[in-house]
PDB file of N, CA and C in Angstrom:
ATOM      1  N   MET A   1       3.475   2.351 -18.095  1.00  0.00           N
ATOM      2  CA  MET A   1       2.679   3.251 -17.270  1.00  0.00           C
ATOM      3  C   MET A   1       2.899   2.905 -15.801  1.00  0.00           C
ATOM      4  N   SER A   2       3.090   3.915 -15.012  1.00  0.00           N
ATOM      5  CA  SER A   2       3.279   3.691 -13.580  1.00  0.00           C
ATOM      6  C   SER A   2       2.203   4.450 -12.814  1.00  0.00           C
ATOM      7  N   ILE A   3       2.261   4.324 -11.527  1.00  0.00           N
ATOM      8  CA  ILE A   3       1.310   5.021 -10.672  1.00  0.00           C
ATOM      9  C   ILE A   3       1.639   6.511 -10.719  1.00  0.00           C
ATOM     10  N   HIS A   4       0.624   7.327 -10.894  1.00  0.00           N
ATOM     11  CA  HIS A   4       0.822   8.779 -10.984  1.00  0.00           C
ATOM     12  C   HIS A   4       1.379   9.304  -9.662  1.00  0.00           C
ATOM     13  N   TRP A   5       2.254  10.286  -9.750  1.00  0.00           N
ATOM     14  CA  TRP A   5       2.914  10.830  -8.556  1.00  0.00           C
ATOM     15  C   TRP A   5       1.914  11.392  -7.553  1.00  0.00           C
ATOM     16  N   SER A   6       0.801  11.928  -8.034  1.00  0.00           N
ATOM     17  CA  SER A   6      -0.189  12.494  -7.106  1.00  0.00           C
ATOM     18  C   SER A   6      -0.861  11.402  -6.276  1.00  0.00           C
ATOM     19  N   VAL A   7      -1.063  10.230  -6.860  1.00  0.00           N
ATOM     20  CA  VAL A   7      -1.652   9.113  -6.116  1.00  0.00           C
ATOM     21  C   VAL A   7      -0.658   8.611  -5.072  1.00  0.00           C
ATOM     22  N   LYS A   8       0.627   8.511  -5.459  1.00  0.00           N
ATOM     23  CA  LYS A   8       1.653   8.076  -4.504  1.00  0.00           C
ATOM     24  C   LYS A   8       1.795   9.066  -3.350  1.00  0.00           C
ATOM     25  N   THR A   9       1.792  10.353  -3.674  1.00  0.00           N
ATOM     26  CA  THR A   9       1.922  11.377  -2.643  1.00  0.00           C
ATOM     27  C   THR A   9       0.718  11.367  -1.714  1.00  0.00           C
ATOM     28  N   SER A  10      -0.459  11.193  -2.285  1.00  0.00           N
ATOM     29  CA  SER A  10      -1.678  11.131  -1.470  1.00  0.00           C
ATOM     30  C   SER A  10      -1.653   9.921  -0.545  1.00  0.00           C
ATOM     31  N   ALA A  11      -1.206   8.778  -1.047  1.00  0.00           N
ATOM     32  CA  ALA A  11      -1.127   7.575  -0.203  1.00  0.00           C
ATOM     33  C   ALA A  11      -0.120   7.768   0.920  1.00  0.00           C
ATOM     34  N   PHE A  12       1.005   8.422   0.619  1.00  0.00           N
ATOM     35  CA  PHE A  12       2.001   8.680   1.660  1.00  0.00           C
ATOM     36  C   PHE A  12       1.444   9.623   2.723  1.00  0.00           C
ATOM     37  N   ALA A  13       0.792  10.709   2.285  1.00  0.00           N
ATOM     38  CA  ALA A  13       0.217  11.666   3.239  1.00  0.00           C
ATOM     39  C   ALA A  13      -0.863  10.997   4.090  1.00  0.00           C
ATOM     40  N   LEU A  14      -1.683  10.166   3.454  1.00  0.00           N
ATOM     41  CA  LEU A  14      -2.727   9.464   4.191  1.00  0.00           C
ATOM     42  C   LEU A  14      -2.129   8.484   5.194  1.00  0.00           C
ATOM     43  N   SER A  15      -1.020   7.831   4.835  1.00  0.00           N
ATOM     44  CA  SER A  15      -0.398   6.905   5.785  1.00  0.00           C
ATOM     45  C   SER A  15       0.216   7.650   6.972  1.00  0.00           C
ATOM     46  N   VAL A  16       0.733   8.845   6.736  1.00  0.00           N
ATOM     47  CA  VAL A  16       1.241   9.659   7.854  1.00  0.00           C
ATOM     48  C   VAL A  16       0.092  10.042   8.778  1.00  0.00           C
ATOM     49  N   TRP A  17      -1.035  10.425   8.191  1.00  0.00           N
ATOM     50  CA  TRP A  17      -2.201  10.788   8.997  1.00  0.00           C
ATOM     51  C   TRP A  17      -2.716   9.578   9.791  1.00  0.00           C
ATOM     52  N   THR A  18      -2.788   8.405   9.149  1.00  0.00           N
ATOM     53  CA  THR A  18      -3.278   7.226   9.873  1.00  0.00           C
ATOM     54  C   THR A  18      -2.309   6.811  10.979  1.00  0.00           C
ATOM     55  N   LEU A  19      -1.017   7.076  10.783  1.00  0.00           N
ATOM     56  CA  LEU A  19      -0.061   6.806  11.847  1.00  0.00           C
ATOM     57  C   LEU A  19      -0.318   7.723  13.039  1.00  0.00           C
ATOM     58  N   SER A  20      -0.714   8.968  12.780  1.00  0.00           N
ATOM     59  CA  SER A  20      -1.052   9.863  13.888  1.00  0.00           C
ATOM     60  C   SER A  20      -2.338   9.407  14.585  1.00  0.00           C
ATOM     61  N   VAL A  21      -3.267   8.809  13.818  1.00  0.00           N
ATOM     62  CA  VAL A  21      -4.475   8.242  14.436  1.00  0.00           C
ATOM     63  C   VAL A  21      -4.086   7.085  15.351  1.00  0.00           C
ATOM     64  N   PHE A  22      -3.134   6.268  14.907  1.00  0.00           N
ATOM     65  CA  PHE A  22      -2.647   5.173  15.744  1.00  0.00           C
ATOM     66  C   PHE A  22      -2.091   5.701  17.065  1.00  0.00           C
ATOM     67  N   PHE A  23      -1.235   6.733  16.993  1.00  0.00           N
ATOM     68  CA  PHE A  23      -0.649   7.280  18.213  1.00  0.00           C
ATOM     69  C   PHE A  23      -1.701   7.956  19.093  1.00  0.00           C
ATOM     70  N   ALA A  24      -2.692   8.580  18.474  1.00  0.00           N
ATOM     71  CA  ALA A  24      -3.786   9.170  19.259  1.00  0.00           C
ATOM     72  C   ALA A  24      -4.562   8.076  19.988  1.00  0.00           C
ATOM     73  N   GLY A  25      -4.801   6.967  19.303  1.00  0.00           N
ATOM     74  CA  GLY A  25      -5.472   5.835  19.953  1.00  0.00           C
ATOM     75  C   GLY A  25      -4.656   5.263  21.087  1.00  0.00           C
ATOM     76  N   TRP A  26      -3.349   5.204  20.897  1.00  0.00           N
ATOM     77  CA  TRP A  26      -2.466   4.699  21.953  1.00  0.00           C
ATOM     78  C   TRP A  26      -2.508   5.610  23.182  1.00  0.00           C
ATOM     79  N   ARG A  27      -2.500   6.925  22.941  1.00  0.00           N
ATOM     80  CA  ARG A  27      -2.603   7.866  24.072  1.00  0.00           C
ATOM     81  C   ARG A  27      -3.948   7.712  24.784  1.00  0.00           C
ATOM     82  N   GLU A  28      -5.019   7.535  24.007  1.00  0.00           N
ATOM     83  CA  GLU A  28      -6.342   7.363  24.623  1.00  0.00           C
ATOM     84  C   GLU A  28      -6.406   6.087  25.448  1.00  0.00           C
ATOM     85  N   ILE A  29      -5.802   5.022  24.957  1.00  0.00           N
ATOM     86  CA  ILE A  29      -5.792   3.756  25.706  1.00  0.00           C
ATOM     87  C   ILE A  29      -5.090   3.947  27.047  1.00  0.00           C
ATOM     88  N   ASN A  30      -3.992   4.702  27.039  1.00  0.00           N
ATOM     89  CA  ASN A  30      -3.227   4.898  28.266  1.00  0.00           C
ATOM     90  C   ASN A  30      -3.891   5.862  29.237  1.00  0.00           C
ATOM     91  N   THR A  31      -4.715   6.784  28.763  1.00  0.00           N
ATOM     92  CA  THR A  31      -5.351   7.741  29.667  1.00  0.00           C
ATOM     93  C   THR A  31      -6.727   7.282  30.116  1.00  0.00           C
ATOM     94  N   GLU A  32      -7.558   6.924  29.173  1.00  0.00           N
ATOM     95  CA  GLU A  32      -8.910   6.470  29.529  1.00  0.00           C
ATOM     96  C   GLU A  32      -9.298   5.304  28.648  1.00  0.00           C
ATOM     97  N   PHE A  33      -9.216   4.132  29.182  1.00  0.00           N
ATOM     98  CA  PHE A  33      -9.528   2.927  28.423  1.00  0.00           C
ATOM     99  C   PHE A  33     -11.019   2.849  28.179  1.00  0.00           C
ATOM    100  N   GLY A  34     -11.398   2.629  26.917  1.00  0.00           N
ATOM    101  CA  GLY A  34     -12.808   2.499  26.582  1.00  0.00           C
ATOM    102  C   GLY A  34     -12.963   2.037  25.154  1.00  0.00           C
ATOM    103  N   PRO A  35     -14.210   1.823  24.743  1.00  0.00           N
ATOM    104  CA  PRO A  35     -14.455   1.334  23.380  1.00  0.00           C
ATOM    105  C   PRO A  35     -13.987   2.316  22.304  1.00  0.00           C
ATOM    106  N   ALA A  36     -14.157   3.605  22.530  1.00  0.00           N
ATOM    107  CA  ALA A  36     -13.732   4.598  21.533  1.00  0.00           C
ATOM    108  C   ALA A  36     -12.211   4.584  21.382  1.00  0.00           C
ATOM    109  N   ALA A  37     -11.492   4.436  22.479  1.00  0.00           N
ATOM    110  CA  ALA A  37     -10.030   4.382  22.424  1.00  0.00           C
ATOM    111  C   ALA A  37      -9.568   3.132  21.679  1.00  0.00           C
ATOM    112  N   CYS A  38     -10.210   2.012  21.956  1.00  0.00           N
ATOM    113  CA  CYS A  38      -9.855   0.765  21.266  1.00  0.00           C
ATOM    114  C   CYS A  38     -10.150   0.854  19.776  1.00  0.00           C
ATOM    115  N   LEU A  39     -11.272   1.472  19.423  1.00  0.00           N
ATOM    116  CA  LEU A  39     -11.633   1.635  18.015  1.00  0.00           C
ATOM    117  C   LEU A  39     -10.656   2.571  17.296  1.00  0.00           C
ATOM    118  N   THR A  40     -10.253   3.631  17.949  1.00  0.00           N
ATOM    119  CA  THR A  40      -9.285   4.557  17.359  1.00  0.00           C
ATOM    120  C   THR A  40      -7.952   3.867  17.139  1.00  0.00           C
ATOM    121  N   LEU A  41      -7.488   3.131  18.124  1.00  0.00           N
ATOM    122  CA  LEU A  41      -6.219   2.418  18.001  1.00  0.00           C
ATOM    123  C   LEU A  41      -6.291   1.359  16.900  1.00  0.00           C
ATOM    124  N   ALA A  42      -7.366   0.597  16.871  1.00  0.00           N
ATOM    125  CA  ALA A  42      -7.501  -0.465  15.863  1.00  0.00           C
ATOM    126  C   ALA A  42      -7.602   0.113  14.453  1.00  0.00           C
ATOM    127  N   SER A  43      -8.379   1.171  14.291  1.00  0.00           N
ATOM    128  CA  SER A  43      -8.526   1.747  12.949  1.00  0.00           C
ATOM    129  C   SER A  43      -7.214   2.376  12.479  1.00  0.00           C
ATOM    130  N   GLY A  44      -6.511   3.049  13.355  1.00  0.00           N
ATOM    131  CA  GLY A  44      -5.214   3.610  12.990  1.00  0.00           C
ATOM    132  C   GLY A  44      -4.211   2.535  12.606  1.00  0.00           C
ATOM    133  N   THR A  45      -4.212   1.432  13.343  1.00  0.00           N
ATOM    134  CA  THR A  45      -3.299   0.329  13.056  1.00  0.00           C
ATOM    135  C   THR A  45      -3.603  -0.311  11.710  1.00  0.00           C
ATOM    136  N   VAL A  46      -4.865  -0.635  11.490  1.00  0.00           N
ATOM    137  CA  VAL A  46      -5.259  -1.324  10.251  1.00  0.00           C
ATOM    138  C   VAL A  46      -5.029  -0.436   9.029  1.00  0.00           C
ATOM    139  N   MET A  47      -5.430   0.818   9.117  1.00  0.00           N
ATOM    140  CA  MET A  47      -5.262   1.707   7.964  1.00  0.00           C
ATOM    141  C   MET A  47      -3.790   1.956   7.654  1.00  0.00           C
ATOM    142  N   THR A  48      -2.968   2.129   8.678  1.00  0.00           N
ATOM    143  CA  THR A  48      -1.538   2.337   8.452  1.00  0.00           C
ATOM    144  C   THR A  48      -0.912   1.115   7.805  1.00  0.00           C
ATOM    145  N   LEU A  49      -1.217  -0.065   8.302  1.00  0.00           N
ATOM    146  CA  LEU A  49      -0.652  -1.283   7.733  1.00  0.00           C
ATOM    147  C   LEU A  49      -1.091  -1.496   6.290  1.00  0.00           C
ATOM    148  N   LEU A  50      -2.357  -1.220   5.989  1.00  0.00           N
ATOM    149  CA  LEU A  50      -2.839  -1.374   4.618  1.00  0.00           C
ATOM    150  C   LEU A  50      -2.153  -0.402   3.657  1.00  0.00           C
ATOM    151  N   LEU A  51      -1.984   0.836   4.085  1.00  0.00           N
ATOM    152  CA  LEU A  51      -1.333   1.817   3.214  1.00  0.00           C
ATOM    153  C   LEU A  51       0.152   1.520   3.025  1.00  0.00           C
ATOM    154  N   ILE A  52       0.815   1.035   4.058  1.00  0.00           N
ATOM    155  CA  ILE A  52       2.218   0.652   3.915  1.00  0.00           C
ATOM    156  C   ILE A  52       2.339  -0.554   2.988  1.00  0.00           C
ATOM    157  N   ALA A  53       1.416  -1.505   3.102  1.00  0.00           N
ATOM    158  CA  ALA A  53       1.416  -2.662   2.200  1.00  0.00           C
ATOM    159  C   ALA A  53       1.172  -2.224   0.755  1.00  0.00           C
ATOM    160  N   LEU A  54       0.278  -1.261   0.538  1.00  0.00           N
ATOM    161  CA  LEU A  54       0.019  -0.746  -0.810  1.00  0.00           C
ATOM    162  C   LEU A  54       1.268  -0.104  -1.395  1.00  0.00           C
ATOM    163  N   GLN A  55       1.975   0.671  -0.590  1.00  0.00           N
ATOM    164  CA  GLN A  55       3.199   1.298  -1.076  1.00  0.00           C
ATOM    165  C   GLN A  55       4.291   0.257  -1.345  1.00  0.00           C
ATOM    166  N   GLY A  56       4.364  -0.776  -0.545  1.00  0.00           N
ATOM    167  CA  GLY A  56       5.292  -1.872  -0.802  1.00  0.00           C
ATOM    168  C   GLY A  56       4.945  -2.607  -2.086  1.00  0.00           C
ATOM    169  N   TYR A  57       3.670  -2.765  -2.347  1.00  0.00           N
ATOM    170  CA  TYR A  57       3.162  -3.384  -3.576  1.00  0.00           C
ATOM    171  C   TYR A  57       3.618  -2.581  -4.793  1.00  0.00           C
ATOM    172  N   TRP A  58       3.491  -1.268  -4.708  1.00  0.00           N
ATOM    173  CA  TRP A  58       3.936  -0.407  -5.803  1.00  0.00           C
ATOM    174  C   TRP A  58       5.436  -0.506  -6.011  1.00  0.00           C
ATOM    175  N   ILE A  59       6.195  -0.485  -4.932  1.00  0.00           N
ATOM    176  CA  ILE A  59       7.649  -0.565  -5.037  1.00  0.00           C
ATOM    177  C   ILE A  59       8.067  -1.901  -5.637  1.00  0.00           C
ATOM    178  N   TYR A  60       7.388  -2.974  -5.243  1.00  0.00           N
ATOM    179  CA  TYR A  60       7.693  -4.308  -5.766  1.00  0.00           C
ATOM    180  C   TYR A  60       7.571  -4.331  -7.288  1.00  0.00           C
ATOM    181  N   PHE A  61       6.461  -3.816  -7.810  1.00  0.00           N
ATOM    182  CA  PHE A  61       6.263  -3.863  -9.254  1.00  0.00           C
ATOM    183  C   PHE A  61       7.108  -2.832  -9.992  1.00  0.00           C
ATOM    184  N   GLU A  62       7.471  -1.762  -9.341  1.00  0.00           N
ATOM    185  CA  GLU A  62       8.401  -0.812  -9.947  1.00  0.00           C
ATOM    186  C   GLU A  62       9.774  -1.450 -10.109  1.00  0.00           C
ATOM    187  N   GLU A  63      10.230  -2.150  -9.080  1.00  0.00           N
ATOM    188  CA  GLU A  63      11.512  -2.852  -9.165  1.00  0.00           C
ATOM    189  C   GLU A  63      11.445  -3.987 -10.188  1.00  0.00           C
ATOM    190  N   LYS A  64      10.311  -4.656 -10.244  1.00  0.00           N
ATOM    191  CA  LYS A  64      10.147  -5.749 -11.196  1.00  0.00           C
ATOM    192  C   LYS A  64      10.201  -5.234 -12.627  1.00  0.00           C
ATOM    193  N   SER A  65       9.582  -4.092 -12.883  1.00  0.00           N
ATOM    194  CA  SER A  65       9.594  -3.552 -14.245  1.00  0.00           C
ATOM    195  C   SER A  65      10.966  -3.013 -14.632  1.00  0.00           C
ATOM    196  N   LYS A  66      11.759  -2.563 -13.655  1.00  0.00           N
ATOM    197  CA  LYS A  66      13.112  -2.092 -13.940  1.00  0.00           C
ATOM    198  C   LYS A  66      14.098  -3.245 -14.089  1.00  0.00           C
ATOM    199  N   GLY A  67      13.716  -4.426 -13.618  1.00  0.00           N
ATOM    200  CA  GLY A  67      14.610  -5.577 -13.688  1.00  0.00           C
ATOM    201  C   GLY A  67      15.572  -5.667 -12.535  1.00  0.00           C
ATOM    202  N   THR A  68      15.330  -4.936 -11.470  1.00  0.00           N
ATOM    203  CA  THR A  68      16.224  -4.938 -10.316  1.00  0.00           C
ATOM    204  C   THR A  68      15.618  -5.633  -9.101  1.00  0.00           C
ATOM    205  N   LEU A  69      14.632  -6.473  -9.345  1.00  0.00           N
ATOM    206  CA  LEU A  69      13.958  -7.169  -8.254  1.00  0.00           C
ATOM    207  C   LEU A  69      14.909  -8.189  -7.628  1.00  0.00           C
ATOM    208  N   GLN A  70      15.086  -8.112  -6.329  1.00  0.00           N
ATOM    209  CA  GLN A  70      16.002  -9.003  -5.619  1.00  0.00           C
ATOM    210  C   GLN A  70      15.317 -10.289  -5.154  1.00  0.00           C
ATOM    211  N   ARG A  71      14.073 -10.191  -4.777  1.00  0.00           N
ATOM    212  CA  ARG A  71      13.361 -11.323  -4.198  1.00  0.00           C
ATOM    213  C   ARG A  71      11.900 -11.285  -4.647  1.00  0.00           C
ATOM    214  N   LYS A  72      11.386 -12.414  -5.065  1.00  0.00           N
ATOM    215  CA  LYS A  72       9.970 -12.487  -5.465  1.00  0.00           C
ATOM    216  C   LYS A  72       9.084 -12.569  -4.222  1.00  0.00           C
ATOM    217  N   VAL A  73       7.953 -11.890  -4.304  1.00  0.00           N
ATOM    218  CA  VAL A  73       6.954 -11.952  -3.236  1.00  0.00           C
ATOM    219  C   VAL A  73       5.698 -12.560  -3.856  1.00  0.00           C
ATOM    220  N   PRO A  74       5.457 -13.848  -3.634  1.00  0.00           N
ATOM    221  CA  PRO A  74       4.317 -14.511  -4.266  1.00  0.00           C
ATOM    222  C   PRO A  74       2.971 -13.885  -3.897  1.00  0.00           C
ATOM    223  N   LEU A  75       2.869 -13.314  -2.698  1.00  0.00           N
ATOM    224  CA  LEU A  75       1.617 -12.684  -2.284  1.00  0.00           C
ATOM    225  C   LEU A  75       1.282 -11.510  -3.193  1.00  0.00           C
ATOM    226  N   PHE A  76       2.261 -10.663  -3.508  1.00  0.00           N
ATOM    227  CA  PHE A  76       2.020  -9.520  -4.379  1.00  0.00           C
ATOM    228  C   PHE A  76       1.655  -9.974  -5.788  1.00  0.00           C
ATOM    229  N   ASP A  77       2.319 -11.023  -6.291  1.00  0.00           N
ATOM    230  CA  ASP A  77       1.976 -11.538  -7.620  1.00  0.00           C
ATOM    231  C   ASP A  77       0.567 -12.124  -7.637  1.00  0.00           C
ATOM    232  N   ALA A  78       0.180 -12.812  -6.571  1.00  0.00           N
ATOM    233  CA  ALA A  78      -1.162 -13.396  -6.495  1.00  0.00           C
ATOM    234  C   ALA A  78      -2.224 -12.304  -6.406  1.00  0.00           C
ATOM    235  N   ILE A  79      -1.965 -11.275  -5.617  1.00  0.00           N
ATOM    236  CA  ILE A  79      -2.922 -10.162  -5.520  1.00  0.00           C
ATOM    237  C   ILE A  79      -3.064  -9.477  -6.866  1.00  0.00           C
ATOM    238  N   HIS A  80      -1.952  -9.272  -7.554  1.00  0.00           N
ATOM    239  CA  HIS A  80      -1.990  -8.599  -8.848  1.00  0.00           C
ATOM    240  C   HIS A  80      -2.799  -9.390  -9.876  1.00  0.00           C
ATOM    241  N   SER A  81      -2.580 -10.705  -9.940  1.00  0.00           N
ATOM    242  CA  SER A  81      -3.338 -11.512 -10.905  1.00  0.00           C
ATOM    243  C   SER A  81      -4.818 -11.574 -10.532  1.00  0.00           C
ATOM    244  N   PHE A  82      -5.139 -11.647  -9.240  1.00  0.00           N
ATOM    245  CA  PHE A  82      -6.535 -11.664  -8.803  1.00  0.00           C
ATOM    246  C   PHE A  82      -7.238 -10.363  -9.182  1.00  0.00           C
ATOM    247  N   VAL A  83      -6.585  -9.237  -8.918  1.00  0.00           N
ATOM    248  CA  VAL A  83      -7.192  -7.936  -9.216  1.00  0.00           C
ATOM    249  C   VAL A  83      -7.331  -7.749 -10.720  1.00  0.00           C
ATOM    250  N   ASP A  84      -6.350  -8.215 -11.491  1.00  0.00           N
ATOM    251  CA  ASP A  84      -6.441  -8.114 -12.954  1.00  0.00           C
ATOM    252  C   ASP A  84      -7.630  -8.898 -13.491  1.00  0.00           C
ATOM    253  N   LYS A  85      -7.890 -10.077 -12.930  1.00  0.00           N
ATOM    254  CA  LYS A  85      -8.992 -10.907 -13.409  1.00  0.00           C
ATOM    255  C   LYS A  85     -10.348 -10.381 -12.960  1.00  0.00           C
ATOM    256  N   ARG A  86     -10.457  -9.936 -11.712  1.00  0.00           N
ATOM    257  CA  ARG A  86     -11.754  -9.596 -11.129  1.00  0.00           C
ATOM    258  C   ARG A  86     -12.179  -8.144 -11.321  1.00  0.00           C
ATOM    259  N   MET A  87     -11.236  -7.220 -11.283  1.00  0.00           N
ATOM    260  CA  MET A  87     -11.608  -5.807 -11.234  1.00  0.00           C
ATOM    261  C   MET A  87     -10.922  -4.974 -12.305  1.00  0.00           C
ATOM    262  N   ALA A  88     -10.733  -5.534 -13.470  1.00  0.00           N
ATOM    263  CA  ALA A  88      -9.994  -4.824 -14.518  1.00  0.00           C
ATOM    264  C   ALA A  88     -10.720  -3.563 -14.994  1.00  0.00           C
ATOM    265  N   GLY A  89     -12.034  -3.524 -14.925  1.00  0.00           N
ATOM    266  CA  GLY A  89     -12.787  -2.374 -15.408  1.00  0.00           C
ATOM    267  C   GLY A  89     -13.025  -1.287 -14.371  1.00  0.00           C
ATOM    268  N   ASN A  90     -12.623  -1.491 -13.144  1.00  0.00           N
ATOM    269  CA  ASN A  90     -12.852  -0.530 -12.071  1.00  0.00           C
ATOM    270  C   ASN A  90     -11.888   0.646 -12.204  1.00  0.00           C
ATOM    271  N   ARG A  91     -12.419   1.868 -12.238  1.00  0.00           N
ATOM    272  CA  ARG A  91     -11.575   3.052 -12.447  1.00  0.00           C
ATOM    273  C   ARG A  91     -10.650   3.317 -11.261  1.00  0.00           C
ATOM    274  N   LEU A  92     -11.112   3.079 -10.034  1.00  0.00           N
ATOM    275  CA  LEU A  92     -10.261   3.276  -8.866  1.00  0.00           C
ATOM    276  C   LEU A  92      -9.102   2.283  -8.876  1.00  0.00           C
ATOM    277  N   VAL A  93      -9.398   1.046  -9.214  1.00  0.00           N
ATOM    278  CA  VAL A  93      -8.359   0.026  -9.270  1.00  0.00           C
ATOM    279  C   VAL A  93      -7.344   0.370 -10.353  1.00  0.00           C
ATOM    280  N   GLN A  94      -7.788   0.932 -11.460  1.00  0.00           N
ATOM    281  CA  GLN A  94      -6.863   1.318 -12.523  1.00  0.00           C
ATOM    282  C   GLN A  94      -5.911   2.419 -12.062  1.00  0.00           C
ATOM    283  N   LEU A  95      -6.348   3.254 -11.112  1.00  0.00           N
ATOM    284  CA  LEU A  95      -5.465   4.294 -10.578  1.00  0.00           C
ATOM    285  C   LEU A  95      -4.336   3.727  -9.729  1.00  0.00           C
ATOM    286  N   ILE A  96      -4.638   2.677  -8.959  1.00  0.00           N
ATOM    287  CA  ILE A  96      -3.648   2.172  -8.012  1.00  0.00           C
ATOM    288  C   ILE A  96      -2.983   0.871  -8.446  1.00  0.00           C
ATOM    289  N   GLN A  97      -3.457   0.258  -9.523  1.00  0.00           N
ATOM    290  CA  GLN A  97      -2.901  -1.016  -9.978  1.00  0.00           C
ATOM    291  C   GLN A  97      -1.740  -0.768 -10.936  1.00  0.00           C
ATOM    292  N   PRO A  98      -0.531  -1.239 -10.605  1.00  0.00           N
ATOM    293  CA  PRO A  98       0.592  -1.035 -11.517  1.00  0.00           C
ATOM    294  C   PRO A  98       0.489  -1.933 -12.744  1.00  0.00           C
ATOM    295  N   VAL A  99       0.993  -1.443 -13.844  1.00  0.00           N
ATOM    296  CA  VAL A  99       1.071  -2.240 -15.061  1.00  0.00           C
ATOM    297  C   VAL A  99       2.383  -3.000 -15.013  1.00  0.00           C
ATOM    298  N   VAL A 100       2.300  -4.303 -15.177  1.00  0.00           N
ATOM    299  CA  VAL A 100       3.485  -5.142 -15.047  1.00  0.00           C
ATOM    300  C   VAL A 100       4.104  -5.371 -16.411  1.00  0.00           C
ATOM    301  N   SER A 101       5.357  -5.058 -16.487  1.00  0.00           N
ATOM    302  CA  SER A 101       6.144  -5.406 -17.667  1.00  0.00           C
ATOM    303  C   SER A 101       7.481  -5.922 -17.156  1.00  0.00           C
ATOM    304  N   GLU A 102       7.827  -7.113 -17.565  1.00  0.00           N
ATOM    305  CA  GLU A 102       9.075  -7.708 -17.107  1.00  0.00           C
ATOM    306  C   GLU A 102      10.235  -6.857 -17.604  1.00  0.00           C
ATOM    307  N   GLY A 103      11.038  -6.381 -16.671  1.00  0.00           N
ATOM    308  CA  GLY A 103      12.154  -5.517 -17.018  1.00  0.00           C
ATOM    309  C   GLY A 103      13.365  -6.305 -17.472  1.00  0.00           C
ATOM    310  N   LYS A 104      14.220  -5.605 -18.124  1.00  0.00           N
ATOM    311  CA  LYS A 104      15.473  -6.186 -18.574  1.00  0.00           C
ATOM    312  C   LYS A 104      16.600  -5.445 -17.879  1.00  0.00           C
ATOM    313  N   ALA A 105      17.372  -6.174 -17.122  1.00  0.00           N
ATOM    314  CA  ALA A 105      18.490  -5.554 -16.413  1.00  0.00           C
ATOM    315  C   ALA A 105      19.531  -5.108 -17.418  1.00  0.00           C
ATOM    316  N   SER A 106      19.910  -3.865 -17.330  1.00  0.00           N
ATOM    317  CA  SER A 106      20.911  -3.348 -18.262  1.00  0.00           C
ATOM    318  C   SER A 106      22.299  -3.708 -17.751  1.00  0.00           C
ATOM    319  N   LYS A 107      23.066  -4.335 -18.600  1.00  0.00           N
ATOM    320  CA  LYS A 107      24.414  -4.743 -18.212  1.00  0.00           C
ATOM    321  C   LYS A 107      25.400  -3.872 -18.973  1.00  0.00           C
ATOM    322  N   LYS A 108      26.248  -3.207 -18.222  1.00  0.00           N
ATOM    323  CA  LYS A 108      27.221  -2.315 -18.836  1.00  0.00           C
ATOM    324  C   LYS A 108      28.616  -2.864 -18.686  1.00  0.00           C
TER     325      LYS A 108
END
């Protein structure tokens, strides 16, 4: 089982939107510096980075299940085991948590 395409598409669209929030915050900082501009820039930055990390997490486990993983990322493995232990019954987590199965590289 993998992440449903609609969840992946939604995460991608949301990351594009948060990137536009980042650029809007950057424009606000350059035109009128204030707390609202700083908050917009910070929220756009944090949300974009989190969504990009989530998509990287999905790609990591997709490559791992296919057996084409080039480099291990201990942080992703640690996050996966932590989430499996603590939040296995959460329906939202089940939507975004990949199922790990060690892949076998096909040799032709």
